[in-house]
Amino acid sequence: MNKSYIEMLEFSTWESRFDYLYLGDNKIGESTFGGHRWLNQNLYSSAEWKRIRREVILRDNGCDMGVLDCPISKGSKILIHHINPITIDDIIERRPAVFDMNNLVSVSFNTHQMIHYGIKSNQPDLPMERSAGDTKLW
């Protein structure tokens, strides 16, 4: 797999970017869980990761896959997705792919679940349009 953020930018819509990133039934990334979950936890709590995470969120304007009309809702956690999934060895050896801005993109929790775990459904919830007489809170 050799995809990139720069290449993903050639696609302008949420749907087309999702199709580009979608992993299908590959279940890539499962091996980093289980007995190796501590590696993920160490990585994602490191100062180096927190710095790159902030840079990715700023670059993507806090929007799902960087699509400007798909902001990730205030109060929702912004996840940083590795476009080309990383391995246990990548994490242990701190290989460049782990921190490469061209391999990272901001996504919502729903989008991340759909990309990573083979769940392909409709576009995740976008901000609701308000209308006259609408009394339901966001």
C-alpha atoms as a PDB file:
ATOM      1  CA  MET A   1       0.000   0.000   0.000  1.00  0.00           C
ATOM      2  CA  ASN A   2       1.474   3.351  -0.964  1.00  0.00           C
ATOM      3  CA  LYS A   3      -1.003   6.168  -0.559  1.00  0.00           C
ATOM      4  CA  SER A   4      -0.332   9.734   0.545  1.00  0.00           C
ATOM      5  CA  TYR A   5      -2.007  12.824   1.904  1.00  0.00           C
ATOM      6  CA  ILE A   6      -0.879  14.802  -1.132  1.00  0.00           C
ATOM      7  CA  GLU A   7      -2.417  12.242  -3.473  1.00  0.00           C
ATOM      8  CA  MET A   8      -5.616  12.161  -1.378  1.00  0.00           C
ATOM      9  CA  LEU A   9      -5.993  15.932  -1.903  1.00  0.00           C
ATOM     10  CA  GLU A  10      -6.689  15.237  -5.578  1.00  0.00           C
ATOM     11  CA  PHE A  11     -10.108  14.018  -4.426  1.00  0.00           C
ATOM     12  CA  SER A  12     -12.370  16.885  -3.379  1.00  0.00           C
ATOM     13  CA  THR A  13     -15.354  15.212  -1.711  1.00  0.00           C
ATOM     14  CA  TRP A  14     -15.746  13.281   1.533  1.00  0.00           C
ATOM     15  CA  GLU A  15     -16.976  10.257  -0.425  1.00  0.00           C
ATOM     16  CA  SER A  16     -14.055  10.181  -2.844  1.00  0.00           C
ATOM     17  CA  ARG A  17     -11.490  10.648  -0.054  1.00  0.00           C
ATOM     18  CA  PHE A  18     -13.170   7.907   1.954  1.00  0.00           C
ATOM     19  CA  ASP A  19     -13.026   5.553  -1.028  1.00  0.00           C
ATOM     20  CA  TYR A  20      -9.315   6.373  -1.370  1.00  0.00           C
ATOM     21  CA  LEU A  21      -8.591   5.593   2.297  1.00  0.00           C
ATOM     22  CA  TYR A  22     -11.006   2.689   2.786  1.00  0.00           C
ATOM     23  CA  LEU A  23      -9.270  -0.523   3.863  1.00  0.00           C
ATOM     24  CA  GLY A  24     -12.215  -2.835   3.173  1.00  0.00           C
ATOM     25  CA  ASP A  25     -12.063  -6.216   4.815  1.00  0.00           C
ATOM     26  CA  ASN A  26      -8.288  -6.153   5.249  1.00  0.00           C
ATOM     27  CA  LYS A  27      -8.557  -5.427   8.983  1.00  0.00           C
ATOM     28  CA  ILE A  28      -5.096  -3.874   8.823  1.00  0.00           C
ATOM     29  CA  GLY A  29      -3.947  -2.742  12.234  1.00  0.00           C
ATOM     30  CA  GLU A  30      -5.488  -5.561  14.281  1.00  0.00           C
ATOM     31  CA  SER A  31      -2.044  -6.887  15.187  1.00  0.00           C
ATOM     32  CA  THR A  32      -1.234  -3.700  17.121  1.00  0.00           C
ATOM     33  CA  PHE A  33      -3.933  -4.564  19.655  1.00  0.00           C
ATOM     34  CA  GLY A  34      -4.109  -7.417  22.115  1.00  0.00           C
ATOM     35  CA  GLY A  35      -0.826  -7.988  23.917  1.00  0.00           C
ATOM     36  CA  HIS A  36       0.838  -5.176  21.963  1.00  0.00           C
ATOM     37  CA  ARG A  37      -1.671  -2.465  22.822  1.00  0.00           C
ATOM     38  CA  TRP A  38       0.836  -0.919  25.222  1.00  0.00           C
ATOM     39  CA  LEU A  39       2.902   0.114  22.192  1.00  0.00           C
ATOM     40  CA  ASN A  40       0.029   2.205  20.849  1.00  0.00           C
ATOM     41  CA  GLN A  41      -0.570   3.736  24.261  1.00  0.00           C
ATOM     42  CA  ASN A  42       3.103   4.684  24.642  1.00  0.00           C
ATOM     43  CA  LEU A  43       3.183   6.167  21.140  1.00  0.00           C
ATOM     44  CA  TYR A  44      -0.022   8.181  21.434  1.00  0.00           C
ATOM     45  CA  SER A  45       0.927   9.615  24.826  1.00  0.00           C
ATOM     46  CA  SER A  46       4.435  10.695  23.712  1.00  0.00           C
ATOM     47  CA  ALA A  47       5.386  14.362  23.308  1.00  0.00           C
ATOM     48  CA  GLU A  48       6.512  13.669  19.738  1.00  0.00           C
ATOM     49  CA  TRP A  49       3.071  12.284  18.787  1.00  0.00           C
ATOM     50  CA  LYS A  50       1.191  15.098  20.538  1.00  0.00           C
ATOM     51  CA  ARG A  51       3.225  17.661  18.584  1.00  0.00           C
ATOM     52  CA  ILE A  52       2.606  16.026  15.190  1.00  0.00           C
ATOM     53  CA  ARG A  53      -1.076  15.506  16.077  1.00  0.00           C
ATOM     54  CA  ARG A  54      -1.500  19.260  16.650  1.00  0.00           C
ATOM     55  CA  GLU A  55       0.212  20.004  13.329  1.00  0.00           C
ATOM     56  CA  VAL A  56      -2.071  17.603  11.428  1.00  0.00           C
ATOM     57  CA  ILE A  57      -5.230  19.038  13.026  1.00  0.00           C
ATOM     58  CA  LEU A  58      -4.133  22.596  12.163  1.00  0.00           C
ATOM     59  CA  ARG A  59      -3.274  21.614   8.586  1.00  0.00           C
ATOM     60  CA  ASP A  60      -6.678  19.907   8.145  1.00  0.00           C
ATOM     61  CA  ASN A  61      -8.557  22.761   9.872  1.00  0.00           C
ATOM     62  CA  GLY A  62     -10.104  20.206  12.237  1.00  0.00           C
ATOM     63  CA  CYS A  63     -12.111  18.782   9.325  1.00  0.00           C
ATOM     64  CA  ASP A  64     -12.842  15.146   8.531  1.00  0.00           C
ATOM     65  CA  MET A  65     -10.188  13.991   6.026  1.00  0.00           C
ATOM     66  CA  GLY A  66      -9.386  17.677   5.475  1.00  0.00           C
ATOM     67  CA  VAL A  67     -12.700  18.293   3.645  1.00  0.00           C
ATOM     68  CA  LEU A  68     -13.511  21.878   4.605  1.00  0.00           C
ATOM     69  CA  ASP A  69     -17.289  21.449   4.558  1.00  0.00           C
ATOM     70  CA  CYS A  70     -17.007  18.464   6.955  1.00  0.00           C
ATOM     71  CA  PRO A  71     -15.808  19.935  10.264  1.00  0.00           C
ATOM     72  CA  ILE A  72     -15.476  17.456  13.104  1.00  0.00           C
ATOM     73  CA  SER A  73     -18.105  18.477  15.652  1.00  0.00           C
ATOM     74  CA  LYS A  74     -17.011  20.541  18.625  1.00  0.00           C
ATOM     75  CA  GLY A  75     -16.678  18.205  21.571  1.00  0.00           C
ATOM     76  CA  SER A  76     -15.902  15.216  19.346  1.00  0.00           C
ATOM     77  CA  LYS A  77     -12.425  13.769  19.503  1.00  0.00           C
ATOM     78  CA  ILE A  78     -10.319  14.264  16.397  1.00  0.00           C
ATOM     79  CA  LEU A  79      -8.371  11.128  15.565  1.00  0.00           C
ATOM     80  CA  ILE A  80      -5.227  11.047  13.464  1.00  0.00           C
ATOM     81  CA  HIS A  81      -5.300   8.223  10.932  1.00  0.00           C
ATOM     82  CA  HIS A  82      -2.218   6.656   9.341  1.00  0.00           C
ATOM     83  CA  ILE A  83      -3.008   6.577   5.627  1.00  0.00           C
ATOM     84  CA  ASN A  84      -0.615   3.664   5.145  1.00  0.00           C
ATOM     85  CA  PRO A  85      -1.135   1.562   8.266  1.00  0.00           C
ATOM     86  CA  ILE A  86       1.842   1.188  10.561  1.00  0.00           C
ATOM     87  CA  THR A  87       3.203  -2.020  12.062  1.00  0.00           C
ATOM     88  CA  ILE A  88       4.478  -3.012  15.469  1.00  0.00           C
ATOM     89  CA  ASP A  89       8.054  -2.714  14.144  1.00  0.00           C
ATOM     90  CA  ASP A  90       7.301   0.780  12.811  1.00  0.00           C
ATOM     91  CA  ILE A  91       6.318   1.842  16.321  1.00  0.00           C
ATOM     92  CA  ILE A  92       9.194   0.093  18.117  1.00  0.00           C
ATOM     93  CA  GLU A  93      11.813   1.473  15.720  1.00  0.00           C
ATOM     94  CA  ARG A  94      10.117   4.889  15.449  1.00  0.00           C
ATOM     95  CA  ARG A  95      10.256   4.649  11.656  1.00  0.00           C
ATOM     96  CA  PRO A  96       9.480   7.846   9.691  1.00  0.00           C
ATOM     97  CA  ALA A  97       6.063   6.547   8.507  1.00  0.00           C
ATOM     98  CA  VAL A  98       4.773   6.904  12.075  1.00  0.00           C
ATOM     99  CA  PHE A  99       5.293  10.693  12.109  1.00  0.00           C
ATOM    100  CA  ASP A 100       5.234  11.581   8.392  1.00  0.00           C
ATOM    101  CA  MET A 101       2.693  14.371   7.733  1.00  0.00           C
ATOM    102  CA  ASN A 102       2.135  12.884   4.269  1.00  0.00           C
ATOM    103  CA  ASN A 103       0.956   9.662   5.964  1.00  0.00           C
ATOM    104  CA  LEU A 104      -1.415  11.325   8.448  1.00  0.00           C
ATOM    105  CA  VAL A 105      -4.904  12.814   8.206  1.00  0.00           C
ATOM    106  CA  SER A 106      -7.515  14.077  10.682  1.00  0.00           C
ATOM    107  CA  VAL A 107     -10.664  11.974  10.888  1.00  0.00           C
ATOM    108  CA  SER A 108     -13.753  11.713  13.052  1.00  0.00           C
ATOM    109  CA  PHE A 109     -14.322   8.639  15.211  1.00  0.00           C
ATOM    110  CA  ASN A 110     -17.040   7.385  12.828  1.00  0.00           C
ATOM    111  CA  THR A 111     -14.854   7.811   9.753  1.00  0.00           C
ATOM    112  CA  HIS A 112     -11.950   6.081  11.491  1.00  0.00           C
ATOM    113  CA  GLN A 113     -14.142   3.111  12.368  1.00  0.00           C
ATOM    114  CA  MET A 114     -15.380   2.874   8.784  1.00  0.00           C
ATOM    115  CA  ILE A 115     -11.865   3.077   7.302  1.00  0.00           C
ATOM    116  CA  HIS A 116     -10.158   0.714   9.736  1.00  0.00           C
ATOM    117  CA  TYR A 117     -12.650  -1.954  10.580  1.00  0.00           C
ATOM    118  CA  GLY A 118     -14.254  -2.662   7.247  1.00  0.00           C
ATOM    119  CA  ILE A 119     -17.500  -0.920   8.082  1.00  0.00           C
ATOM    120  CA  LYS A 120     -18.586   0.972   4.997  1.00  0.00           C
ATOM    121  CA  SER A 121     -21.780   2.918   5.425  1.00  0.00           C
ATOM    122  CA  ASN A 122     -23.042   6.367   4.568  1.00  0.00           C
ATOM    123  CA  GLN A 123     -21.185   9.550   5.303  1.00  0.00           C
ATOM    124  CA  PRO A 124     -20.973  10.235   9.053  1.00  0.00           C
ATOM    125  CA  ASP A 125     -23.187  12.826  10.679  1.00  0.00           C
ATOM    126  CA  LEU A 126     -22.545  16.331   9.446  1.00  0.00           C
ATOM    127  CA  PRO A 127     -23.722  19.463  11.253  1.00  0.00           C
ATOM    128  CA  MET A 128     -27.507  19.740  11.161  1.00  0.00           C
ATOM    129  CA  GLU A 129     -29.192  22.531   9.284  1.00  0.00           C
ATOM    130  CA  ARG A 130     -31.579  24.459  11.490  1.00  0.00           C
ATOM    131  CA  SER A 131     -35.079  25.345  10.334  1.00  0.00           C
ATOM    132  CA  ALA A 132     -38.010  27.448  11.571  1.00  0.00           C
ATOM    133  CA  GLY A 133     -39.859  25.717  14.417  1.00  0.00           C
ATOM    134  CA  ASP A 134     -36.975  23.325  15.031  1.00  0.00           C
ATOM    135  CA  THR A 135     -36.739  22.790  18.790  1.00  0.00           C
ATOM    136  CA  LYS A 136     -34.387  19.814  18.883  1.00  0.00           C
ATOM    137  CA  LEU A 137     -30.987  20.607  20.337  1.00  0.00           C
ATOM    138  CA  TRP A 138     -27.910  19.699  18.338  1.00  0.00           C
END
